[in-house]
């Protein structure tokens, strides 16, 4: 199948090229850029020399639809909202990695993203696709909205507790940390070396745009309350760790909670639940599509702590996008994603 990547010069785009280049079914047919068309992708990413020797093309939806089976949109929020509808009208299958179609209430999008929302009709058509939680809805669509990175780590960490009705409303607190690649390639004061090196910063306090996305999905699972969520920037390139706290409704043992998680994710190829007392580190999923998690019941406080880690560019973006594409086309879900994490 012929695949194209729009926004190929971003970090998410580069990860898509790394995955698709060795995918058994999807073939990279073309790469696109709104600002560097006519240049070789190798000029921007020398590591692709002799691997993806392609010229960045102009974004022409009609021409794209003529030659591609699937298009991955690795564009910033506010850009996909304009491009995706044009591609869909031409009959393209689209997987969007931005946040433009995740929130079903377009007023929420405008409030949290501070951008003009996509038309409601296209937001309604987009399927929010977190495979482990709504796999069945992915198979009958041509338009997938890929979840956010923080949202993926948080929702996967919370889902077994919420589905089983084990935690109190108004009790969820998420303390999340991310590597700087999540900020993209555009330099800002907070991401320059002198500010980031040997430093640890909280940002978007109680205001991160992934909050309504997490709450929207939690509501569909049965948890109706707002959550407290805060994000921090760590001086590393890749990785997210979401440390999640919630109050349990009743006494439950560590063995019982471990069984809840192991049963819930028993058949999930990219979820790895650690043994009791062992907690994951971001390095242990680096460069892979895995989400690793560890769980601890604190009988003294009646709370549970879940530690969930992902690579923000893989399970948090490009890897999950390919996982969704595999499901959509009826392929083996793990196709092209058999990456052992890079360690150390």
Protein backbone atom coordinates (compact mmCIF):
# COMPACT_ATOMS: atom_id res chain seq x y z
CA UNK A 1 0.00 0.00 0.00
CA UNK A 2 1.26 3.44 -0.89
CA UNK A 3 1.70 5.82 2.04
CA UNK A 4 2.58 9.49 2.26
CA UNK A 5 3.67 11.71 5.13
CA UNK A 6 2.67 15.36 5.29
CA UNK A 7 4.89 17.25 7.70
CA UNK A 8 7.78 14.87 7.10
CA UNK A 9 10.39 17.32 8.43
CA UNK A 10 9.02 17.29 11.99
CA UNK A 11 10.07 14.80 14.65
CA UNK A 12 6.81 12.87 14.33
CA UNK A 13 7.24 12.79 10.57
CA UNK A 14 10.79 11.49 10.91
CA UNK A 15 9.59 8.68 13.17
CA UNK A 16 6.90 7.75 10.66
CA UNK A 17 9.57 7.46 7.97
CA UNK A 18 11.71 5.26 10.26
CA UNK A 19 8.78 2.90 10.83
CA UNK A 20 7.31 2.88 7.34
CA UNK A 21 10.67 2.34 5.64
CA UNK A 22 10.74 -1.23 6.99
CA UNK A 23 6.98 -1.87 7.15
CA UNK A 24 5.98 -5.11 5.36
CA UNK A 25 2.88 -3.60 3.71
CA UNK A 26 3.05 0.19 3.66
CA UNK A 27 5.51 1.70 1.22
CA UNK A 28 6.66 5.31 1.45
CA UNK A 29 5.53 6.77 -1.85
CA UNK A 30 5.96 10.49 -1.16
CA UNK A 31 6.78 13.07 1.50
CA UNK A 32 5.37 16.56 1.80
CA UNK A 33 6.19 19.90 3.37
CA UNK A 34 4.42 23.25 3.34
CA UNK A 35 7.68 25.19 3.64
CA UNK A 36 10.47 23.08 2.09
CA UNK A 37 8.90 21.66 -1.08
CA UNK A 38 11.45 21.01 -3.81
CA UNK A 39 14.20 20.18 -1.31
CA UNK A 40 15.44 16.70 -0.51
CA UNK A 41 14.33 15.26 2.83
CA UNK A 42 17.99 14.29 3.26
CA UNK A 43 18.93 17.99 3.36
CA UNK A 44 16.86 18.31 6.51
CA UNK A 45 17.61 14.86 7.94
CA UNK A 46 21.06 13.58 6.82
CA UNK A 47 20.47 10.36 8.76
CA UNK A 48 18.07 9.36 5.95
CA UNK A 49 20.86 9.38 3.35
CA UNK A 50 20.46 6.41 0.96
CA UNK A 51 17.41 5.30 2.97
CA UNK A 52 14.65 7.76 2.05
CA UNK A 53 16.16 9.73 -0.86
CA UNK A 54 12.99 11.67 -1.64
CA UNK A 55 12.12 15.21 -2.62
CA UNK A 56 9.62 17.07 -0.46
CA UNK A 57 6.52 17.74 -2.56
CA UNK A 58 3.88 20.44 -2.51
CA UNK A 59 0.65 19.62 -0.68
CA UNK A 60 -1.92 19.13 -3.45
CA UNK A 61 -4.87 17.10 -2.08
CA UNK A 62 -6.21 16.05 -5.48
CA UNK A 63 -2.80 14.81 -6.66
CA UNK A 64 -2.16 13.09 -3.34
CA UNK A 65 -5.46 11.21 -3.52
CA UNK A 66 -4.60 9.95 -6.99
CA UNK A 67 -1.50 8.08 -5.90
CA UNK A 68 -1.77 7.21 -2.18
CA UNK A 69 -3.73 4.67 -0.16
CA UNK A 70 -3.11 6.40 3.16
CA UNK A 71 -1.86 9.79 4.33
CA UNK A 72 -0.29 10.49 7.71
CA UNK A 73 -0.68 14.10 8.83
CA UNK A 74 2.27 14.95 11.09
CA UNK A 75 1.49 18.65 11.07
CA UNK A 76 1.09 21.08 13.99
CA UNK A 77 -2.28 21.78 15.51
CA UNK A 78 -4.10 24.42 13.52
CA UNK A 79 -2.73 23.08 10.22
CA UNK A 80 -4.42 19.69 10.03
CA UNK A 81 -7.83 21.30 10.47
CA UNK A 82 -7.41 22.87 7.03
CA UNK A 83 -5.66 20.02 5.20
CA UNK A 84 -7.53 16.94 6.46
CA UNK A 85 -11.00 17.90 5.10
CA UNK A 86 -9.53 18.56 1.66
CA UNK A 87 -7.87 15.14 1.62
CA UNK A 88 -11.00 13.39 2.88
CA UNK A 89 -13.13 15.03 0.20
CA UNK A 90 -10.74 13.55 -2.37
CA UNK A 91 -11.26 10.08 -0.91
CA UNK A 92 -8.01 9.75 1.06
CA UNK A 93 -7.68 7.67 4.20
CA UNK A 94 -6.21 10.04 6.78
CA UNK A 95 -4.51 9.51 10.13
CA UNK A 96 -4.00 12.84 11.87
CA UNK A 97 -1.34 13.11 14.58
CA UNK A 98 -2.31 16.64 15.66
CA UNK A 99 -4.91 17.65 18.22
CA UNK A 100 -7.27 19.29 15.75
CA UNK A 101 -9.91 16.55 15.72
CA UNK A 102 -9.57 14.97 19.17
CA UNK A 103 -12.05 17.12 21.09
CA UNK A 104 -15.65 16.54 20.07
CA UNK A 105 -16.72 19.92 21.47
CA UNK A 106 -15.12 22.47 19.15
CA UNK A 107 -15.60 25.17 21.78
CA UNK A 108 -13.31 23.18 24.07
CA UNK A 109 -10.73 23.07 21.30
CA UNK A 110 -10.80 26.85 20.92
CA UNK A 111 -10.57 27.34 24.70
CA UNK A 112 -7.64 24.98 25.26
CA UNK A 113 -5.68 25.26 22.00
CA UNK A 114 -6.34 28.97 21.40
CA UNK A 115 -6.84 28.26 17.69
CA UNK A 116 -9.75 28.27 15.28
CA UNK A 117 -11.40 24.83 15.41
CA UNK A 118 -12.05 22.54 12.48
CA UNK A 119 -15.65 22.44 11.20
CA UNK A 120 -17.90 20.36 13.45
CA UNK A 121 -18.87 18.00 10.62
CA UNK A 122 -15.27 16.83 10.22
CA UNK A 123 -14.66 16.60 13.96
CA UNK A 124 -17.74 14.36 14.18
CA UNK A 125 -16.34 12.08 11.46
CA UNK A 126 -12.94 11.62 13.11
CA UNK A 127 -12.52 8.46 15.19
CA UNK A 128 -10.45 9.03 18.32
CA UNK A 129 -8.29 5.93 18.22
CA UNK A 130 -6.53 4.59 21.29
CA UNK A 131 -6.39 0.93 20.20
CA UNK A 132 -6.35 -0.70 23.62
CA UNK A 133 -9.55 1.10 24.60
CA UNK A 134 -11.60 1.46 21.41
CA UNK A 135 -10.15 -0.91 18.82
CA UNK A 136 -13.52 -1.89 17.35
CA UNK A 137 -14.31 1.67 16.25
CA UNK A 138 -11.12 1.93 14.18
CA UNK A 139 -11.96 -0.65 11.52
CA UNK A 140 -14.84 1.12 9.76
CA UNK A 141 -13.48 4.59 9.09
CA UNK A 142 -11.28 6.56 6.72
CA UNK A 143 -10.39 9.23 9.28
CA UNK A 144 -8.48 8.61 12.49
CA UNK A 145 -7.52 11.15 15.12
CA UNK A 146 -4.41 9.90 16.89
CA UNK A 147 -4.33 10.49 20.68
CA UNK A 148 -1.91 12.89 22.34
CA UNK A 149 1.23 11.64 24.03
CA UNK A 150 0.37 12.63 27.61
CA UNK A 151 -3.18 11.39 27.03
CA UNK A 152 -1.96 7.97 25.90
CA UNK A 153 0.25 7.40 28.95
CA UNK A 154 -2.42 8.67 31.35
CA UNK A 155 -5.43 6.90 29.86
CA UNK A 156 -3.68 3.56 29.58
CA UNK A 157 -2.58 3.90 33.19
CA UNK A 158 -6.08 4.73 34.44
CA UNK A 159 -8.33 2.60 32.22
CA UNK A 160 -8.35 -0.65 34.26
CA UNK A 161 -9.20 1.26 37.45
CA UNK A 162 -11.98 3.23 35.78
CA UNK A 163 -13.50 0.33 33.85
CA UNK A 164 -13.68 -1.75 37.04
CA UNK A 165 -15.11 1.18 39.04
CA UNK A 166 -12.34 0.98 41.61
CA UNK A 167 -11.58 4.67 42.22
CA UNK A 168 -13.44 7.61 43.71
CA UNK A 169 -14.64 10.49 41.60
CA UNK A 170 -12.68 13.75 42.01
CA UNK A 171 -9.60 11.88 43.21
CA UNK A 172 -7.34 11.56 40.16
CA UNK A 173 -4.05 13.49 40.18
CA UNK A 174 -1.54 13.08 37.35
CA UNK A 175 2.06 14.23 37.69
CA UNK A 176 3.54 13.89 34.18
CA UNK A 177 7.01 14.53 32.76
CA UNK A 178 8.18 14.68 29.16
CA UNK A 179 11.36 14.92 27.15
CA UNK A 180 11.90 18.06 25.07
CA UNK A 181 11.19 16.44 21.68
CA UNK A 182 7.50 16.86 22.50
CA UNK A 183 7.96 20.59 21.98
CA UNK A 184 8.98 20.07 18.35
CA UNK A 185 11.80 21.76 16.45
CA UNK A 186 10.84 25.39 16.91
CA UNK A 187 13.13 26.92 19.52
CA UNK A 188 11.67 28.78 22.47
CA UNK A 189 13.13 30.33 25.58
CA UNK A 190 12.13 27.31 27.66
CA UNK A 191 13.79 24.77 25.35
CA UNK A 192 17.16 26.39 24.69
CA UNK A 193 20.13 24.57 26.18
CA UNK A 194 20.93 27.09 28.92
CA UNK A 195 17.36 26.95 30.24
CA UNK A 196 16.84 23.21 29.89
CA UNK A 197 20.19 21.69 30.87
CA UNK A 198 20.44 20.67 34.54
CA UNK A 199 16.94 22.00 35.09
CA UNK A 200 13.44 20.66 35.72
CA UNK A 201 10.40 22.80 34.89
CA UNK A 202 6.68 22.65 35.33
CA UNK A 203 4.72 24.21 32.47
CA UNK A 204 1.10 24.91 31.47
CA UNK A 205 0.05 24.52 35.11
CA UNK A 206 -3.54 23.21 35.18
CA UNK A 207 -3.79 24.34 31.56
CA UNK A 208 -2.34 21.64 29.33
CA UNK A 209 -4.38 21.05 26.16
CA UNK A 210 -4.43 17.29 26.74
CA UNK A 211 -6.56 17.69 29.89
CA UNK A 212 -9.95 17.86 28.10
CA UNK A 213 -8.88 15.01 25.83
CA UNK A 214 -8.14 12.80 28.84
CA UNK A 215 -11.38 13.82 30.56
CA UNK A 216 -13.40 13.17 27.39
CA UNK A 217 -12.12 9.59 27.14
CA UNK A 218 -12.40 8.94 30.89
CA UNK A 219 -16.04 10.02 30.72
CA UNK A 220 -16.70 7.41 28.04
CA UNK A 221 -15.15 4.83 30.38
CA UNK A 222 -17.30 5.88 33.34
CA UNK A 223 -15.26 8.47 35.26
CA UNK A 224 -17.14 11.79 35.15
CA UNK A 225 -15.05 14.15 37.30
CA UNK A 226 -12.35 16.62 36.29
CA UNK A 227 -8.78 15.55 36.94
CA UNK A 228 -5.76 17.43 38.22
CA UNK A 229 -3.04 17.14 35.61
CA UNK A 230 0.31 18.89 35.43
CA UNK A 231 3.20 18.54 33.01
CA UNK A 232 6.94 18.98 33.49
CA UNK A 233 9.84 19.31 31.09
CA UNK A 234 12.79 17.01 31.74
CA UNK A 235 16.27 17.56 30.21
CA UNK A 236 16.12 14.47 28.02
CA UNK A 237 15.16 13.98 24.37
CA UNK A 238 12.45 11.31 24.50
CA UNK A 239 10.05 9.77 26.93
CA UNK A 240 7.02 10.41 29.11
CA UNK A 241 6.41 9.25 32.65
CA UNK A 242 2.92 9.76 34.06
CA UNK A 243 2.71 9.14 37.79
CA UNK A 244 -0.98 8.79 38.59
CA UNK A 245 -2.65 8.92 42.01
CA UNK A 246 -6.26 8.02 42.85
CA UNK A 247 -8.32 7.15 45.93
CA UNK A 248 -9.68 3.61 46.04
CA UNK A 249 -13.38 3.07 46.79
CA UNK A 250 -12.70 0.08 49.02
CA UNK A 251 -9.89 -2.06 50.36
CA UNK A 252 -8.11 -4.02 47.64
CA UNK A 253 -4.85 -5.91 47.94
CA UNK A 254 -1.76 -5.47 45.84
CA UNK A 255 -2.28 -8.95 44.39
CA UNK A 256 -5.86 -8.11 43.42
CA UNK A 257 -4.91 -4.85 41.71
CA UNK A 258 -2.11 -6.58 39.83
CA UNK A 259 -4.62 -9.14 38.58
CA UNK A 260 -6.97 -6.36 37.41
CA UNK A 261 -4.20 -4.87 35.26
CA UNK A 262 -2.84 -8.16 33.97
CA UNK A 263 -6.31 -9.37 33.01
CA UNK A 264 -7.23 -6.05 31.37
CA UNK A 265 -4.12 -5.97 29.18
CA UNK A 266 -3.59 -9.72 28.79
CA UNK A 267 -3.97 -9.70 25.00
CA UNK A 268 -2.42 -6.30 24.28
CA UNK A 269 0.87 -6.63 22.40
CA UNK A 270 2.24 -3.22 23.40
CA UNK A 271 1.30 -3.10 27.09
CA UNK A 272 3.76 -4.53 29.62
CA UNK A 273 2.65 -4.65 33.26
CA UNK A 274 5.56 -5.01 35.65
CA UNK A 275 5.69 -7.48 38.50
CA UNK A 276 4.83 -6.31 41.99
CA UNK A 277 7.36 -3.81 43.36
CA UNK A 278 9.01 -3.13 39.99
CA UNK A 279 8.40 0.19 38.23
CA UNK A 280 9.33 1.20 34.68
CA UNK A 281 11.72 3.90 33.51
CA UNK A 282 11.44 5.90 30.30
CA UNK A 283 14.69 4.40 28.99
CA UNK A 284 13.06 0.97 28.99
CA UNK A 285 10.62 1.94 26.20
CA UNK A 286 12.94 4.27 24.25
CA UNK A 287 12.40 3.98 20.49
CA UNK A 288 9.59 1.42 20.86
CA UNK A 289 5.79 1.32 20.79
CA UNK A 290 5.50 -0.15 24.28
CA UNK A 291 3.67 1.32 27.24
CA UNK A 292 5.10 -0.08 30.47
CA UNK A 293 3.43 0.37 33.82
CA UNK A 294 3.81 -0.49 37.48
CA UNK A 295 1.12 -0.26 40.17
CA UNK A 296 1.29 0.16 43.95
CA UNK A 297 -1.53 0.05 46.49
CA UNK A 298 -0.92 2.20 49.58
CA UNK A 299 -3.07 0.62 52.30
CA UNK A 300 -2.04 3.37 54.72
CA UNK A 301 -3.68 6.14 52.66
CA UNK A 302 -6.21 4.10 50.68
CA UNK A 303 -4.73 5.33 47.40
CA UNK A 304 -3.25 3.65 44.36
CA UNK A 305 -0.21 4.86 42.44
CA UNK A 306 0.27 3.95 38.77
CA UNK A 307 3.49 4.69 36.90
CA UNK A 308 3.01 4.66 33.11
CA UNK A 309 5.86 5.28 30.64
CA UNK A 310 5.96 5.64 26.85
CA UNK A 311 8.22 7.06 24.15
CA UNK A 312 6.35 10.25 23.26
CA UNK A 313 7.37 10.01 19.58
CA UNK A 314 6.38 6.35 19.26
CA UNK A 315 3.41 5.13 21.33
CA UNK A 316 2.68 8.82 21.88
CA UNK A 317 2.66 9.67 18.16
CA UNK A 318 4.10 7.85 15.12
CA UNK A 319 4.13 4.30 16.47
CA UNK A 320 0.52 4.52 17.58
CA UNK A 321 -0.43 6.05 14.21
CA UNK A 322 1.01 3.01 12.40
CA UNK A 323 -0.64 0.68 14.93
CA UNK A 324 -3.96 2.35 14.07
CA UNK A 325 -3.25 2.09 10.34
CA UNK A 326 -2.55 -1.63 10.73
CA UNK A 327 -5.90 -2.16 12.44
CA UNK A 328 -7.76 -0.01 9.93
CA UNK A 329 -6.48 -2.06 6.97
CA UNK A 330 -6.88 -5.42 8.70
CA UNK A 331 -3.14 -6.06 8.99
CA UNK A 332 -1.28 -7.66 11.86
CA UNK A 333 -1.48 -4.99 14.56
CA UNK A 334 2.22 -5.20 15.35
CA UNK A 335 3.36 -5.02 11.69
CA UNK A 336 6.37 -2.75 11.30
CA UNK A 337 6.51 -2.12 15.05
CA UNK A 338 8.66 -4.99 16.30
CA UNK A 339 11.24 -2.65 17.83
CA UNK A 340 13.19 -3.74 20.87
CA UNK A 341 13.65 -0.61 23.00
CA UNK A 342 17.04 1.09 22.53
CA UNK A 343 19.05 0.54 25.70
CA UNK A 344 21.00 2.12 27.29
